[in-house]
Amino acid sequence: MDDWLNDNATSLVVVLAAVAAVLVLLLVLVFVLWRRARRAARLARLDRSTAERERIDLELALAEQGSRLRMIRELHEIAVHSVTVIISQADGARYAATQDPAAAGRSAAVIAESARATLADLRRVMTVVRDGEAEAAPQPGLSSARELFKVMRDAGLDVEFTESGERHELRPGAELAIFRILQEALSNALTHGGEGTRAKVAFGWTDDGLKVLVEDDGIRAAAIRSGLDPYIEAQKHNYTIDDDLAALTQAPSGRGITEMRERTELFGGVFEAHTVPGVGFTVQAVFPSLKYHNGVHGVRLEAR
């Protein structure tokens, strides 16, 4: 036995070293898996905690909205009753005017007082409604554009964003209009181009204006997704100068296009959308005097 061990000592050392190495690798692997499991469990706990907080916030918001609805209903009932009383008083004043002008004057004073109280109640209703709308549905702005890009990327749209020039102050109405144009353009790119479509979004700021450009390669992406070579497919269609001219001159139609155009024109802008043959779709909204139409304080509001 000793002779065999002496003869195979080197081999035994190699085997033992290999076994030790395998054990070390297994220990490292088990440790890595354990760490990942702990991290996954920690993230799961955080997700559950976040979900629980969101659930509680939603329940509180729902309870708050329910409370507002009850307040609105109660104030509305009071206002309806007050209007009924005012109508009765007006009828009495009209009758009294033919018999006793002094009584008619007193009735008119009572009617005016009742009308003021009713108006105050109606204003309270509007205040409650506006507070509820503002809390329930805060309007997005340009600060929400990054979140919009993330949502679109998660949905399968490859969004690339660039910005040039110095950004200037915008009113919430102008920010909302630009955000909705972006949202509609990117949604259309994903809807018509599908997953894998690449969309380039560019903001170009000037001293008084802004140019918003959204270009997608939906046609090319659809060809690639079908296992086709987009360049060969483009050659098969034999696009001519007339096709390019038609794409630039024929205005696309549709509810989304109309809304984007109306939002652009609302702030003195020019909207343009066209198909790029063999490539995709381009949307452009140019606001040459956005500061003027935006109504920012400190900017001349007279016509230029």
Protein backbone atom coordinates (compact mmCIF):
# COMPACT_ATOMS: atom_id res chain seq x y z
CA MET A 1 0.00 0.00 0.00
CA ASP A 2 2.84 2.30 0.90
CA ASP A 3 4.59 1.44 -2.34
CA TRP A 4 1.39 2.27 -4.28
CA LEU A 5 1.02 5.57 -2.48
CA ASN A 6 4.64 6.42 -3.19
CA ASP A 7 4.22 5.54 -6.84
CA ASN A 8 0.98 7.54 -7.22
CA ALA A 9 1.68 10.40 -4.87
CA THR A 10 1.78 12.99 -7.64
CA SER A 11 -1.47 11.73 -9.11
CA LEU A 12 -3.14 11.81 -5.71
CA VAL A 13 -1.98 15.34 -5.09
CA VAL A 14 -3.38 16.42 -8.45
CA VAL A 15 -6.70 14.67 -7.78
CA LEU A 16 -6.97 16.15 -4.29
CA ALA A 17 -6.11 19.58 -5.66
CA ALA A 18 -8.76 19.18 -8.34
CA VAL A 19 -11.32 18.07 -5.78
CA ALA A 20 -10.39 21.00 -3.54
CA ALA A 21 -10.71 23.39 -6.48
CA VAL A 22 -14.13 21.96 -7.35
CA LEU A 23 -15.21 22.32 -3.73
CA VAL A 24 -14.01 25.90 -3.66
CA LEU A 25 -15.88 26.65 -6.90
CA LEU A 26 -19.01 25.02 -5.48
CA LEU A 27 -18.68 27.08 -2.31
CA VAL A 28 -18.23 30.25 -4.36
CA LEU A 29 -21.20 29.32 -6.52
CA VAL A 30 -23.36 28.59 -3.46
CA PHE A 31 -22.27 31.88 -1.91
CA VAL A 32 -23.11 33.82 -5.09
CA LEU A 33 -26.50 32.12 -5.37
CA TRP A 34 -27.17 32.83 -1.69
CA ARG A 35 -26.30 36.49 -2.15
CA ARG A 36 -28.52 36.72 -5.21
CA ALA A 37 -31.35 35.00 -3.36
CA ARG A 38 -30.97 37.44 -0.47
CA ARG A 39 -30.91 40.37 -2.87
CA ALA A 40 -33.98 39.06 -4.70
CA ALA A 41 -35.77 38.57 -1.39
CA ARG A 42 -34.81 42.08 -0.30
CA LEU A 43 -36.04 43.56 -3.58
CA ALA A 44 -39.25 41.54 -3.27
CA ARG A 45 -39.77 42.94 0.23
CA LEU A 46 -39.14 46.45 -1.07
CA ASP A 47 -41.58 45.88 -3.92
CA ARG A 48 -44.19 44.58 -1.51
CA SER A 49 -43.59 47.54 0.77
CA THR A 50 -43.86 49.97 -2.14
CA ALA A 51 -47.01 48.27 -3.39
CA GLU A 52 -48.50 48.41 0.09
CA ARG A 53 -47.73 52.11 0.41
CA GLU A 54 -49.24 52.76 -3.00
CA ARG A 55 -52.32 50.77 -2.02
CA ILE A 56 -52.71 52.79 1.16
CA ASP A 57 -52.21 56.05 -0.76
CA LEU A 58 -54.85 54.99 -3.30
CA GLU A 59 -57.29 54.06 -0.55
CA LEU A 60 -56.73 57.41 1.15
CA ALA A 61 -57.13 59.25 -2.16
CA LEU A 62 -60.33 57.30 -2.87
CA ALA A 63 -61.67 58.09 0.59
CA GLU A 64 -60.77 61.76 0.07
CA GLN A 65 -62.54 61.82 -3.30
CA GLY A 66 -65.56 60.12 -1.74
CA SER A 67 -65.62 62.78 0.95
CA ARG A 68 -65.44 65.50 -1.70
CA LEU A 69 -68.33 63.93 -3.61
CA ARG A 70 -70.46 63.93 -0.46
CA MET A 71 -69.59 67.57 0.17
CA ILE A 72 -70.48 68.44 -3.42
CA ARG A 73 -73.80 66.59 -3.18
CA GLU A 74 -74.71 68.31 0.10
CA LEU A 75 -73.76 71.76 -1.18
CA HIS A 76 -75.64 71.06 -4.41
CA GLU A 77 -78.78 70.14 -2.46
CA ILE A 78 -78.50 73.35 -0.43
CA ALA A 79 -78.04 75.37 -3.63
CA VAL A 80 -81.09 73.74 -5.24
CA HIS A 81 -83.18 74.52 -2.15
CA SER A 82 -81.91 78.11 -2.13
CA VAL A 83 -82.77 78.59 -5.81
CA THR A 84 -86.27 77.23 -5.11
CA VAL A 85 -86.68 79.78 -2.30
CA ILE A 86 -85.41 82.58 -4.57
CA ILE A 87 -87.96 81.65 -7.23
CA SER A 88 -90.77 81.72 -4.66
CA GLN A 89 -89.57 85.07 -3.34
CA ALA A 90 -89.39 86.47 -6.87
CA ASP A 91 -92.95 85.36 -7.57
CA GLY A 92 -94.08 86.98 -4.31
CA ALA A 93 -92.23 90.19 -5.12
CA ARG A 94 -93.82 90.35 -8.56
CA TYR A 95 -97.27 90.00 -6.97
CA ALA A 96 -96.47 92.48 -4.20
CA ALA A 97 -95.22 95.06 -6.69
CA THR A 98 -98.77 95.63 -7.89
CA GLN A 99 -100.14 96.03 -4.35
CA ASP A 100 -97.36 97.36 -2.11
CA PRO A 101 -94.16 98.73 -3.74
CA ALA A 102 -92.44 98.91 -0.33
CA ALA A 103 -93.04 95.19 0.22
CA ALA A 104 -91.65 94.52 -3.23
CA GLY A 105 -88.49 96.39 -2.31
CA ARG A 106 -88.09 94.37 0.87
CA SER A 107 -88.63 91.15 -1.10
CA ALA A 108 -85.99 92.24 -3.62
CA ALA A 109 -83.49 92.75 -0.79
CA VAL A 110 -84.24 89.27 0.56
CA ILE A 111 -83.87 87.82 -2.94
CA ALA A 112 -80.48 89.53 -3.37
CA GLU A 113 -79.27 88.19 -0.01
CA SER A 114 -80.44 84.66 -0.84
CA ALA A 115 -78.79 84.85 -4.25
CA ARG A 116 -75.47 85.89 -2.69
CA ALA A 117 -75.62 82.98 -0.25
CA THR A 118 -76.42 80.58 -3.10
CA LEU A 119 -73.57 81.97 -5.19
CA ALA A 120 -71.20 81.43 -2.25
CA ASP A 121 -72.33 77.80 -1.99
CA LEU A 122 -71.83 77.27 -5.72
CA ARG A 123 -68.34 78.73 -5.48
CA ARG A 124 -67.59 76.32 -2.66
CA VAL A 125 -68.75 73.47 -4.92
CA MET A 126 -66.40 74.64 -7.68
CA THR A 127 -63.52 74.92 -5.21
CA VAL A 128 -64.06 71.35 -4.01
CA VAL A 129 -64.32 70.09 -7.61
CA ARG A 130 -61.15 71.86 -8.73
CA ASP A 131 -59.19 70.65 -5.72
CA GLY A 132 -60.32 67.09 -6.45
CA GLU A 133 -59.41 67.34 -10.14
CA ALA A 134 -55.98 68.81 -9.36
CA GLU A 135 -55.21 66.07 -6.85
CA ALA A 136 -56.67 63.19 -8.86
CA ALA A 137 -55.14 64.05 -12.21
CA PRO A 138 -52.03 66.26 -12.12
CA GLN A 139 -51.18 67.39 -15.62
CA PRO A 140 -47.86 66.21 -17.05
CA GLY A 141 -45.21 68.56 -18.38
CA LEU A 142 -41.76 68.43 -19.90
CA SER A 143 -40.40 67.16 -16.59
CA SER A 144 -42.48 64.03 -17.25
CA ALA A 145 -40.93 63.45 -20.70
CA ARG A 146 -38.19 61.21 -19.29
CA GLU A 147 -40.85 59.04 -17.66
CA LEU A 148 -42.72 58.91 -20.96
CA PHE A 149 -39.56 57.78 -22.75
CA LYS A 150 -39.03 55.05 -20.15
CA VAL A 151 -42.60 53.80 -20.53
CA MET A 152 -42.23 53.69 -24.32
CA ARG A 153 -38.88 51.88 -24.05
CA ASP A 154 -40.45 49.30 -21.75
CA ALA A 155 -43.18 48.81 -24.36
CA GLY A 156 -40.57 48.04 -27.05
CA LEU A 157 -39.82 51.42 -28.64
CA ASP A 158 -36.15 52.41 -28.85
CA VAL A 159 -36.24 56.12 -27.95
CA GLU A 160 -33.23 58.37 -28.49
CA PHE A 161 -33.49 61.93 -27.12
CA THR A 162 -31.32 64.94 -27.95
CA GLU A 163 -31.69 68.58 -26.95
CA SER A 164 -29.97 71.71 -28.21
CA GLY A 165 -30.16 75.36 -27.25
CA GLU A 166 -31.04 76.88 -23.90
CA ARG A 167 -34.34 75.77 -22.46
CA HIS A 168 -36.58 78.63 -21.29
CA GLU A 169 -39.56 78.84 -18.99
CA LEU A 170 -42.89 77.49 -20.19
CA ARG A 171 -46.37 77.79 -18.77
CA PRO A 172 -48.13 74.56 -17.75
CA GLY A 173 -50.48 74.85 -20.74
CA ALA A 174 -47.59 74.97 -23.22
CA GLU A 175 -45.75 72.13 -21.46
CA LEU A 176 -48.90 70.00 -21.54
CA ALA A 177 -49.39 70.65 -25.27
CA ILE A 178 -45.79 69.64 -26.08
CA PHE A 179 -46.03 66.56 -23.85
CA ARG A 180 -49.24 65.41 -25.56
CA ILE A 181 -47.67 65.88 -28.99
CA LEU A 182 -44.71 63.74 -27.90
CA GLN A 183 -47.01 61.13 -26.39
CA GLU A 184 -49.15 60.84 -29.51
CA ALA A 185 -46.18 60.75 -31.89
CA LEU A 186 -44.39 58.02 -29.93
CA SER A 187 -47.59 56.01 -29.47
CA ASN A 188 -48.18 56.13 -33.22
CA ALA A 189 -44.60 55.03 -33.87
CA LEU A 190 -45.04 52.01 -31.61
CA THR A 191 -48.51 51.18 -32.93
CA HIS A 192 -47.60 51.31 -36.62
CA GLY A 193 -43.95 50.26 -36.41
CA GLY A 194 -44.20 47.67 -33.65
CA GLU A 195 -41.53 46.52 -31.21
CA GLY A 196 -37.98 47.30 -32.22
CA THR A 197 -38.92 50.58 -33.89
CA ARG A 198 -36.40 53.33 -33.29
CA ALA A 199 -37.68 56.84 -32.57
CA LYS A 200 -35.44 59.90 -32.49
CA VAL A 201 -36.80 62.79 -30.43
CA ALA A 202 -35.09 66.18 -30.74
CA PHE A 203 -35.78 69.49 -28.96
CA GLY A 204 -34.28 72.55 -30.58
CA TRP A 205 -34.59 75.67 -28.44
CA THR A 206 -34.19 79.18 -29.84
CA ASP A 207 -34.35 82.55 -28.10
CA ASP A 208 -38.15 82.68 -28.41
CA GLY A 209 -39.21 79.32 -29.79
CA LEU A 210 -38.91 75.57 -29.87
CA LYS A 211 -38.75 72.89 -32.54
CA VAL A 212 -39.98 69.41 -31.64
CA LEU A 213 -38.99 66.63 -34.03
CA VAL A 214 -39.93 62.94 -33.80
CA GLU A 215 -38.58 60.58 -36.46
CA ASP A 216 -39.20 56.83 -36.49
CA ASP A 217 -38.11 53.93 -38.71
CA GLY A 218 -41.33 51.95 -38.37
CA ILE A 219 -41.43 50.75 -41.99
CA ARG A 220 -37.83 49.54 -41.82
CA ALA A 221 -38.39 47.92 -38.41
CA ALA A 222 -41.47 46.06 -39.68
CA ALA A 223 -39.43 44.64 -42.56
CA ILE A 224 -36.64 43.51 -40.23
CA ARG A 225 -39.16 41.95 -37.86
CA SER A 226 -40.56 39.95 -40.80
CA GLY A 227 -37.07 38.63 -41.60
CA LEU A 228 -36.67 40.81 -44.68
CA ASP A 229 -33.84 43.05 -45.77
CA PRO A 230 -35.24 46.62 -45.53
CA TYR A 231 -32.92 47.91 -48.25
CA ILE A 232 -33.97 45.18 -50.68
CA GLU A 233 -37.62 45.82 -49.83
CA ALA A 234 -37.14 49.53 -50.45
CA GLN A 235 -35.59 48.77 -53.85
CA LYS A 236 -38.50 46.48 -54.72
CA HIS A 237 -40.92 49.35 -54.25
CA ASN A 238 -38.94 51.52 -56.69
CA TYR A 239 -39.52 54.75 -54.81
CA THR A 240 -39.29 57.72 -57.12
CA ILE A 241 -39.00 61.46 -56.71
CA ASP A 242 -42.76 61.62 -57.17
CA ASP A 243 -43.23 59.27 -54.22
CA ASP A 244 -41.00 61.46 -52.05
CA LEU A 245 -42.85 64.57 -53.20
CA ALA A 246 -46.22 62.98 -52.47
CA ALA A 247 -45.05 61.95 -49.01
CA LEU A 248 -44.04 65.52 -48.27
CA THR A 249 -47.09 67.26 -49.78
CA GLN A 250 -49.95 64.91 -48.87
CA ALA A 251 -50.99 65.65 -45.30
CA PRO A 252 -51.79 62.54 -43.24
CA SER A 253 -55.17 62.49 -41.54
CA GLY A 254 -56.59 60.95 -38.41
CA ARG A 255 -57.71 61.92 -34.93
CA GLY A 256 -54.19 61.83 -33.47
CA ILE A 257 -52.74 63.93 -36.30
CA THR A 258 -55.56 66.44 -35.96
CA GLU A 259 -55.07 66.77 -32.20
CA MET A 260 -51.32 67.28 -32.57
CA ARG A 261 -51.91 69.94 -35.23
CA GLU A 262 -54.51 71.75 -33.09
CA ARG A 263 -52.26 71.70 -30.02
CA THR A 264 -49.40 73.12 -32.08
CA GLU A 265 -51.50 75.88 -33.64
CA LEU A 266 -52.94 76.78 -30.23
CA PHE A 267 -49.48 78.15 -29.30
CA GLY A 268 -48.74 79.78 -32.63
CA GLY A 269 -46.86 76.81 -34.06
CA VAL A 270 -46.71 75.05 -37.40
CA PHE A 271 -47.32 71.30 -37.52
CA GLU A 272 -46.11 68.96 -40.24
CA ALA A 273 -46.19 65.17 -40.54
CA HIS A 274 -45.23 62.91 -43.43
CA THR A 275 -44.14 59.41 -44.33
CA VAL A 276 -40.52 58.81 -45.30
CA PRO A 277 -40.76 56.14 -48.05
CA GLY A 278 -39.07 52.92 -47.06
CA VAL A 279 -38.10 54.28 -43.62
CA GLY A 280 -40.92 55.42 -41.36
CA PHE A 281 -42.81 58.50 -40.21
CA THR A 282 -41.78 62.02 -39.18
CA VAL A 283 -43.64 64.49 -36.97
CA GLN A 284 -42.50 68.08 -36.55
CA ALA A 285 -43.98 70.89 -34.47
CA VAL A 286 -42.28 74.27 -34.78
CA PHE A 287 -43.14 77.06 -32.32
CA PRO A 288 -41.38 80.19 -33.64
CA SER A 289 -42.63 82.52 -30.88
CA LEU A 290 -43.47 80.19 -28.05
CA LYS A 291 -42.61 82.77 -25.38
CA TYR A 292 -45.13 85.22 -26.82
CA HIS A 293 -47.91 82.66 -27.20
CA ASN A 294 -46.91 81.05 -23.91
CA GLY A 295 -47.49 84.29 -22.01
CA VAL A 296 -44.46 84.04 -19.71
CA HIS A 297 -44.05 86.97 -17.32
CA GLY A 298 -41.45 89.45 -18.43
CA VAL A 299 -42.05 88.82 -22.13
CA ARG A 300 -43.65 91.41 -24.38
CA LEU A 301 -47.24 90.34 -24.95
CA GLU A 302 -48.09 92.81 -27.69
CA ALA A 303 -48.33 91.47 -31.20
CA ARG A 304 -45.07 91.31 -33.15
